[in-house]
């Protein structure tokens, strides 16, 4: 039986939402861990612009729904 663990990503203290998301995507694209980027792919997005696209989608969702959880907001 497979088990997975989902960990919510919150804004890092002292950082903006954009900085937090960029830090996480940069970490995931670390060339030392991805065979110099060979293992980095994207689905309907380019890995280099994934953080920007994520922020845009998050803002569009907030505009449409009016939902904003403030400091308890989960980014991903």
PDB file of N, CA and C in Angstrom:
ATOM      1  N   UNK A   1       0.841  -1.163   0.000  1.00  0.00           N
ATOM      2  CA  UNK A   1       0.000   0.000   0.000  1.00  0.00           C
ATOM      3  C   UNK A   1       0.895   1.237   0.000  1.00  0.00           C
ATOM      4  N   UNK A   2       0.579   2.166  -0.880  1.00  0.00           N
ATOM      5  CA  UNK A   2       1.344   3.413  -0.964  1.00  0.00           C
ATOM      6  C   UNK A   2       0.761   4.448  -0.007  1.00  0.00           C
ATOM      7  N   UNK A   3       1.639   5.203   0.566  1.00  0.00           N
ATOM      8  CA  UNK A   3       1.218   6.282   1.459  1.00  0.00           C
ATOM      9  C   UNK A   3       1.925   7.548   1.037  1.00  0.00           C
ATOM     10  N   UNK A   4       1.197   8.651   1.053  1.00  0.00           N
ATOM     11  CA  UNK A   4       1.838   9.931   0.762  1.00  0.00           C
ATOM     12  C   UNK A   4       1.522  10.921   1.861  1.00  0.00           C
ATOM     13  N   UNK A   5       2.321  11.922   1.917  1.00  0.00           N
ATOM     14  CA  UNK A   5       2.179  12.941   2.936  1.00  0.00           C
ATOM     15  C   UNK A   5       2.066  14.279   2.241  1.00  0.00           C
ATOM     16  N   UNK A   6       1.002  15.005   2.510  1.00  0.00           N
ATOM     17  CA  UNK A   6       0.809  16.320   1.935  1.00  0.00           C
ATOM     18  C   UNK A   6       1.108  17.360   2.996  1.00  0.00           C
ATOM     19  N   UNK A   7       2.050  18.212   2.701  1.00  0.00           N
ATOM     20  CA  UNK A   7       2.433  19.247   3.655  1.00  0.00           C
ATOM     21  C   UNK A   7       2.016  20.599   3.094  1.00  0.00           C
ATOM     22  N   UNK A   8       1.149  21.329   3.794  1.00  0.00           N
ATOM     23  CA  UNK A   8       0.739  22.635   3.299  1.00  0.00           C
ATOM     24  C   UNK A   8       1.897  23.628   3.343  1.00  0.00           C
ATOM     25  N   UNK A   9       1.976  24.473   2.343  1.00  0.00           N
ATOM     26  CA  UNK A   9       3.022  25.492   2.267  1.00  0.00           C
ATOM     27  C   UNK A   9       2.419  26.832   2.650  1.00  0.00           C
ATOM     28  N   UNK A  10       2.956  27.425   3.697  1.00  0.00           N
ATOM     29  CA  UNK A  10       2.534  28.747   4.152  1.00  0.00           C
ATOM     30  C   UNK A  10       3.614  29.761   3.781  1.00  0.00           C
ATOM     31  N   UNK A  11       3.288  31.032   3.893  1.00  0.00           N
ATOM     32  CA  UNK A  11       4.263  32.087   3.630  1.00  0.00           C
ATOM     33  C   UNK A  11       5.361  32.025   4.686  1.00  0.00           C
ATOM     34  N   UNK A  12       6.610  32.087   4.248  1.00  0.00           N
ATOM     35  CA  UNK A  12       7.737  32.102   5.180  1.00  0.00           C
ATOM     36  C   UNK A  12       7.760  33.427   5.923  1.00  0.00           C
ATOM     37  N   UNK A  13       8.131  33.400   7.181  1.00  0.00           N
ATOM     38  CA  UNK A  13       8.192  34.626   7.980  1.00  0.00           C
ATOM     39  C   UNK A  13       9.170  35.609   7.354  1.00  0.00           C
ATOM     40  N   UNK A  14       8.739  36.859   7.257  1.00  0.00           N
ATOM     41  CA  UNK A  14       9.604  37.909   6.717  1.00  0.00           C
ATOM     42  C   UNK A  14       9.689  37.931   5.208  1.00  0.00           C
ATOM     43  N   UNK A  15       8.888  37.095   4.529  1.00  0.00           N
ATOM     44  CA  UNK A  15       8.925  37.044   3.072  1.00  0.00           C
ATOM     45  C   UNK A  15       7.527  37.270   2.509  1.00  0.00           C
ATOM     46  N   UNK A  16       7.494  37.685   1.257  1.00  0.00           N
ATOM     47  CA  UNK A  16       6.217  37.854   0.580  1.00  0.00           C
ATOM     48  C   UNK A  16       5.771  36.519   0.008  1.00  0.00           C
ATOM     49  N   UNK A  17       4.536  36.474  -0.470  1.00  0.00           N
ATOM     50  CA  UNK A  17       4.041  35.260  -1.128  1.00  0.00           C
ATOM     51  C   UNK A  17       4.918  34.936  -2.329  1.00  0.00           C
ATOM     52  N   UNK A  18       5.238  35.955  -3.118  1.00  0.00           N
ATOM     53  CA  UNK A  18       6.064  35.746  -4.322  1.00  0.00           C
ATOM     54  C   UNK A  18       7.433  35.187  -3.963  1.00  0.00           C
ATOM     55  N   UNK A  19       8.072  35.732  -2.932  1.00  0.00           N
ATOM     56  CA  UNK A  19       9.393  35.244  -2.526  1.00  0.00           C
ATOM     57  C   UNK A  19       9.322  33.801  -2.044  1.00  0.00           C
ATOM     58  N   UNK A  20       8.287  33.474  -1.298  1.00  0.00           N
ATOM     59  CA  UNK A  20       8.130  32.115  -0.780  1.00  0.00           C
ATOM     60  C   UNK A  20       7.955  31.118  -1.916  1.00  0.00           C
ATOM     61  N   UNK A  21       7.087  31.434  -2.872  1.00  0.00           N
ATOM     62  CA  UNK A  21       6.850  30.519  -3.994  1.00  0.00           C
ATOM     63  C   UNK A  21       8.102  30.387  -4.858  1.00  0.00           C
ATOM     64  N   UNK A  22       8.767  31.509  -5.112  1.00  0.00           N
ATOM     65  CA  UNK A  22      10.001  31.466  -5.909  1.00  0.00           C
ATOM     66  C   UNK A  22      11.069  30.624  -5.209  1.00  0.00           C
ATOM     67  N   UNK A  23      11.208  30.782  -3.902  1.00  0.00           N
ATOM     68  CA  UNK A  23      12.175  29.965  -3.147  1.00  0.00           C
ATOM     69  C   UNK A  23      11.879  28.476  -3.312  1.00  0.00           C
ATOM     70  N   UNK A  24      10.613  28.082  -3.216  1.00  0.00           N
ATOM     71  CA  UNK A  24      10.234  26.668  -3.330  1.00  0.00           C
ATOM     72  C   UNK A  24      10.477  26.138  -4.737  1.00  0.00           C
ATOM     73  N   UNK A  25      10.137  26.906  -5.764  1.00  0.00           N
ATOM     74  CA  UNK A  25      10.362  26.413  -7.126  1.00  0.00           C
ATOM     75  C   UNK A  25      11.858  26.359  -7.435  1.00  0.00           C
ATOM     76  N   UNK A  26      12.622  27.330  -6.940  1.00  0.00           N
ATOM     77  CA  UNK A  26      14.078  27.285  -7.128  1.00  0.00           C
ATOM     78  C   UNK A  26      14.668  26.050  -6.451  1.00  0.00           C
ATOM     79  N   UNK A  27      14.180  25.724  -5.258  1.00  0.00           N
ATOM     80  CA  UNK A  27      14.648  24.536  -4.542  1.00  0.00           C
ATOM     81  C   UNK A  27      14.325  23.271  -5.342  1.00  0.00           C
ATOM     82  N   UNK A  28      13.108  23.214  -5.896  1.00  0.00           N
ATOM     83  CA  UNK A  28      12.697  22.033  -6.664  1.00  0.00           C
ATOM     84  C   UNK A  28      13.484  21.890  -7.957  1.00  0.00           C
ATOM     85  N   UNK A  29      13.988  22.989  -8.479  1.00  0.00           N
ATOM     86  CA  UNK A  29      14.746  22.957  -9.738  1.00  0.00           C
ATOM     87  C   UNK A  29      16.251  22.876  -9.515  1.00  0.00           C
ATOM     88  N   UNK A  30      16.688  22.638  -8.297  1.00  0.00           N
ATOM     89  CA  UNK A  30      18.102  22.584  -7.967  1.00  0.00           C
ATOM     90  C   UNK A  30      18.842  21.642  -8.914  1.00  0.00           C
ATOM     91  N   UNK A  31      19.793  22.174  -9.697  1.00  0.00           N
ATOM     92  CA  UNK A  31      20.490  21.348 -10.686  1.00  0.00           C
ATOM     93  C   UNK A  31      21.261  20.167 -10.082  1.00  0.00           C
ATOM     94  N   UNK A  32      21.700  20.302  -8.839  1.00  0.00           N
ATOM     95  CA  UNK A  32      22.428  19.207  -8.188  1.00  0.00           C
ATOM     96  C   UNK A  32      21.517  18.013  -7.892  1.00  0.00           C
ATOM     97  N   UNK A  33      20.208  18.266  -7.777  1.00  0.00           N
ATOM     98  CA  UNK A  33      19.267  17.208  -7.435  1.00  0.00           C
ATOM     99  C   UNK A  33      18.424  16.748  -8.625  1.00  0.00           C
ATOM    100  N   UNK A  34      18.551  17.424  -9.759  1.00  0.00           N
ATOM    101  CA  UNK A  34      17.689  17.119 -10.905  1.00  0.00           C
ATOM    102  C   UNK A  34      18.480  16.764 -12.162  1.00  0.00           C
ATOM    103  N   UNK A  35      19.685  16.272 -11.973  1.00  0.00           N
ATOM    104  CA  UNK A  35      20.558  15.942 -13.110  1.00  0.00           C
ATOM    105  C   UNK A  35      20.659  17.133 -14.049  1.00  0.00           C
ATOM    106  N   UNK A  36      21.020  18.291 -13.456  1.00  0.00           N
ATOM    107  CA  UNK A  36      21.182  19.557 -14.186  1.00  0.00           C
ATOM    108  C   UNK A  36      19.910  19.951 -14.930  1.00  0.00           C
ATOM    109  N   UNK A  37      18.763  19.723 -14.315  1.00  0.00           N
ATOM    110  CA  UNK A  37      17.481  20.138 -14.875  1.00  0.00           C
ATOM    111  C   UNK A  37      16.790  19.108 -15.728  1.00  0.00           C
ATOM    112  N   UNK A  38      17.432  17.962 -15.977  1.00  0.00           N
ATOM    113  CA  UNK A  38      16.826  16.911 -16.809  1.00  0.00           C
ATOM    114  C   UNK A  38      15.500  16.417 -16.247  1.00  0.00           C
ATOM    115  N   UNK A  39      15.369  16.402 -14.941  1.00  0.00           N
ATOM    116  CA  UNK A  39      14.176  15.853 -14.301  1.00  0.00           C
ATOM    117  C   UNK A  39      13.094  16.905 -14.043  1.00  0.00           C
ATOM    118  N   UNK A  40      13.313  18.135 -14.494  1.00  0.00           N
ATOM    119  CA  UNK A  40      12.347  19.213 -14.268  1.00  0.00           C
ATOM    120  C   UNK A  40      11.462  19.351 -15.505  1.00  0.00           C
ATOM    121  N   UNK A  41      10.164  19.161 -15.303  1.00  0.00           N
ATOM    122  CA  UNK A  41       9.202  19.321 -16.391  1.00  0.00           C
ATOM    123  C   UNK A  41       7.999  20.084 -15.856  1.00  0.00           C
ATOM    124  N   UNK A  42       7.114  20.435 -16.748  1.00  0.00           N
ATOM    125  CA  UNK A  42       5.905  21.128 -16.340  1.00  0.00           C
ATOM    126  C   UNK A  42       4.724  20.633 -17.152  1.00  0.00           C
ATOM    127  N   UNK A  43       3.550  20.752 -16.586  1.00  0.00           N
ATOM    128  CA  UNK A  43       2.325  20.391 -17.292  1.00  0.00           C
ATOM    129  C   UNK A  43       1.539  21.675 -17.525  1.00  0.00           C
ATOM    130  N   UNK A  44       1.373  22.036 -18.751  1.00  0.00           N
ATOM    131  CA  UNK A  44       0.690  23.254 -19.168  1.00  0.00           C
ATOM    132  C   UNK A  44       1.326  24.509 -18.573  1.00  0.00           C
ATOM    133  N   UNK A  45       2.617  24.447 -18.317  1.00  0.00           N
ATOM    134  CA  UNK A  45       3.380  25.624 -17.886  1.00  0.00           C
ATOM    135  C   UNK A  45       4.859  25.349 -18.139  1.00  0.00           C
ATOM    136  N   UNK A  46       5.611  26.415 -18.240  1.00  0.00           N
ATOM    137  CA  UNK A  46       7.058  26.287 -18.367  1.00  0.00           C
ATOM    138  C   UNK A  46       7.657  26.340 -16.972  1.00  0.00           C
ATOM    139  N   UNK A  47       8.548  25.428 -16.631  1.00  0.00           N
ATOM    140  CA  UNK A  47       9.123  25.444 -15.287  1.00  0.00           C
ATOM    141  C   UNK A  47       9.721  26.802 -14.890  1.00  0.00           C
ATOM    142  N   UNK A  48      10.306  27.509 -15.839  1.00  0.00           N
ATOM    143  CA  UNK A  48      10.926  28.806 -15.524  1.00  0.00           C
ATOM    144  C   UNK A  48       9.906  29.869 -15.119  1.00  0.00           C
ATOM    145  N   UNK A  49       8.665  29.731 -15.580  1.00  0.00           N
ATOM    146  CA  UNK A  49       7.642  30.737 -15.259  1.00  0.00           C
ATOM    147  C   UNK A  49       6.535  30.172 -14.371  1.00  0.00           C
ATOM    148  N   UNK A  50       6.746  29.011 -13.801  1.00  0.00           N
ATOM    149  CA  UNK A  50       5.724  28.369 -12.973  1.00  0.00           C
ATOM    150  C   UNK A  50       5.354  29.226 -11.761  1.00  0.00           C
ATOM    151  N   UNK A  51       6.338  29.846 -11.121  1.00  0.00           N
ATOM    152  CA  UNK A  51       6.028  30.659  -9.941  1.00  0.00           C
ATOM    153  C   UNK A  51       5.149  31.863 -10.298  1.00  0.00           C
ATOM    154  N   UNK A  52       5.426  32.506 -11.424  1.00  0.00           N
ATOM    155  CA  UNK A  52       4.624  33.638 -11.870  1.00  0.00           C
ATOM    156  C   UNK A  52       3.211  33.194 -12.229  1.00  0.00           C
ATOM    157  N   UNK A  53       3.099  32.077 -12.927  1.00  0.00           N
ATOM    158  CA  UNK A  53       1.791  31.540 -13.281  1.00  0.00           C
ATOM    159  C   UNK A  53       0.993  31.142 -12.052  1.00  0.00           C
ATOM    160  N   UNK A  54       1.674  30.589 -11.071  1.00  0.00           N
ATOM    161  CA  UNK A  54       1.011  30.201  -9.827  1.00  0.00           C
ATOM    162  C   UNK A  54       0.452  31.425  -9.116  1.00  0.00           C
ATOM    163  N   UNK A  55       1.243  32.490  -9.042  1.00  0.00           N
ATOM    164  CA  UNK A  55       0.782  33.719  -8.396  1.00  0.00           C
ATOM    165  C   UNK A  55      -0.415  34.321  -9.127  1.00  0.00           C
ATOM    166  N   UNK A  56      -0.378  34.309 -10.446  1.00  0.00           N
ATOM    167  CA  UNK A  56      -1.491  34.829 -11.238  1.00  0.00           C
ATOM    168  C   UNK A  56      -2.761  34.020 -10.974  1.00  0.00           C
ATOM    169  N   UNK A  57      -2.651  32.700 -10.982  1.00  0.00           N
ATOM    170  CA  UNK A  57      -3.811  31.839 -10.726  1.00  0.00           C
ATOM    171  C   UNK A  57      -4.363  32.067  -9.324  1.00  0.00           C
ATOM    172  N   UNK A  58      -3.473  32.222  -8.353  1.00  0.00           N
ATOM    173  CA  UNK A  58      -3.899  32.460  -6.972  1.00  0.00           C
ATOM    174  C   UNK A  58      -4.653  33.780  -6.868  1.00  0.00           C
ATOM    175  N   UNK A  59      -4.164  34.816  -7.544  1.00  0.00           N
ATOM    176  CA  UNK A  59      -4.826  36.119  -7.514  1.00  0.00           C
ATOM    177  C   UNK A  59      -6.183  36.065  -8.219  1.00  0.00           C
ATOM    178  N   UNK A  60      -6.249  35.381  -9.348  1.00  0.00           N
ATOM    179  CA  UNK A  60      -7.517  35.242 -10.062  1.00  0.00           C
ATOM    180  C   UNK A  60      -8.542  34.509  -9.191  1.00  0.00           C
ATOM    181  N   UNK A  61      -8.129  33.468  -8.504  1.00  0.00           N
ATOM    182  CA  UNK A  61      -9.022  32.720  -7.613  1.00  0.00           C
ATOM    183  C   UNK A  61      -9.556  33.635  -6.508  1.00  0.00           C
ATOM    184  N   UNK A  62      -8.664  34.421  -5.902  1.00  0.00           N
ATOM    185  CA  UNK A  62      -9.079  35.333  -4.829  1.00  0.00           C
ATOM    186  C   UNK A  62     -10.051  36.388  -5.363  1.00  0.00           C
ATOM    187  N   UNK A  63      -9.801  36.894  -6.565  1.00  0.00           N
ATOM    188  CA  UNK A  63     -10.688  37.900  -7.155  1.00  0.00           C
ATOM    189  C   UNK A  63     -12.073  37.322  -7.443  1.00  0.00           C
ATOM    190  N   UNK A  64     -12.120  36.105  -7.923  1.00  0.00           N
ATOM    191  CA  UNK A  64     -13.399  35.474  -8.282  1.00  0.00           C
ATOM    192  C   UNK A  64     -14.193  35.085  -7.037  1.00  0.00           C
ATOM    193  N   UNK A  65     -13.530  34.499  -6.067  1.00  0.00           N
ATOM    194  CA  UNK A  65     -14.236  33.955  -4.903  1.00  0.00           C
ATOM    195  C   UNK A  65     -14.309  34.908  -3.717  1.00  0.00           C
ATOM    196  N   UNK A  66     -13.394  35.866  -3.663  1.00  0.00           N
ATOM    197  CA  UNK A  66     -13.336  36.764  -2.521  1.00  0.00           C
ATOM    198  C   UNK A  66     -12.744  36.121  -1.279  1.00  0.00           C
ATOM    199  N   UNK A  67     -12.196  34.923  -1.433  1.00  0.00           N
ATOM    200  CA  UNK A  67     -11.632  34.194  -0.287  1.00  0.00           C
ATOM    201  C   UNK A  67     -10.198  34.646  -0.017  1.00  0.00           C
ATOM    202  N   UNK A  68      -9.932  35.015   1.229  1.00  0.00           N
ATOM    203  CA  UNK A  68      -8.595  35.400   1.652  1.00  0.00           C
ATOM    204  C   UNK A  68      -8.470  35.025   3.120  1.00  0.00           C
ATOM    205  N   UNK A  69      -7.553  34.153   3.424  1.00  0.00           N
ATOM    206  CA  UNK A  69      -7.413  33.660   4.795  1.00  0.00           C
ATOM    207  C   UNK A  69      -6.324  34.395   5.565  1.00  0.00           C
ATOM    208  N   UNK A  70      -5.763  35.426   4.969  1.00  0.00           N
ATOM    209  CA  UNK A  70      -4.745  36.217   5.663  1.00  0.00           C
ATOM    210  C   UNK A  70      -3.508  35.418   5.994  1.00  0.00           C
ATOM    211  N   UNK A  71      -3.017  35.565   7.228  1.00  0.00           N
ATOM    212  CA  UNK A  71      -1.755  34.907   7.600  1.00  0.00           C
ATOM    213  C   UNK A  71      -1.862  33.393   7.665  1.00  0.00           C
ATOM    214  N   UNK A  72      -3.066  32.853   7.703  1.00  0.00           N
ATOM    215  CA  UNK A  72      -3.261  31.398   7.738  1.00  0.00           C
ATOM    216  C   UNK A  72      -3.443  30.805   6.346  1.00  0.00           C
ATOM    217  N   UNK A  73      -3.289  31.627   5.329  1.00  0.00           N
ATOM    218  CA  UNK A  73      -3.497  31.184   3.950  1.00  0.00           C
ATOM    219  C   UNK A  73      -2.487  30.104   3.570  1.00  0.00           C
ATOM    220  N   UNK A  74      -2.959  29.073   2.936  1.00  0.00           N
ATOM    221  CA  UNK A  74      -2.090  28.004   2.433  1.00  0.00           C
ATOM    222  C   UNK A  74      -1.778  28.305   0.977  1.00  0.00           C
ATOM    223  N   UNK A  75      -0.507  28.357   0.639  1.00  0.00           N
ATOM    224  CA  UNK A  75      -0.094  28.679  -0.717  1.00  0.00           C
ATOM    225  C   UNK A  75      -0.209  27.482  -1.641  1.00  0.00           C
ATOM    226  N   UNK A  76       0.196  26.341  -1.165  1.00  0.00           N
ATOM    227  CA  UNK A  76       0.174  25.149  -2.006  1.00  0.00           C
ATOM    228  C   UNK A  76       0.075  23.921  -1.126  1.00  0.00           C
TER     229      UNK A  76
END
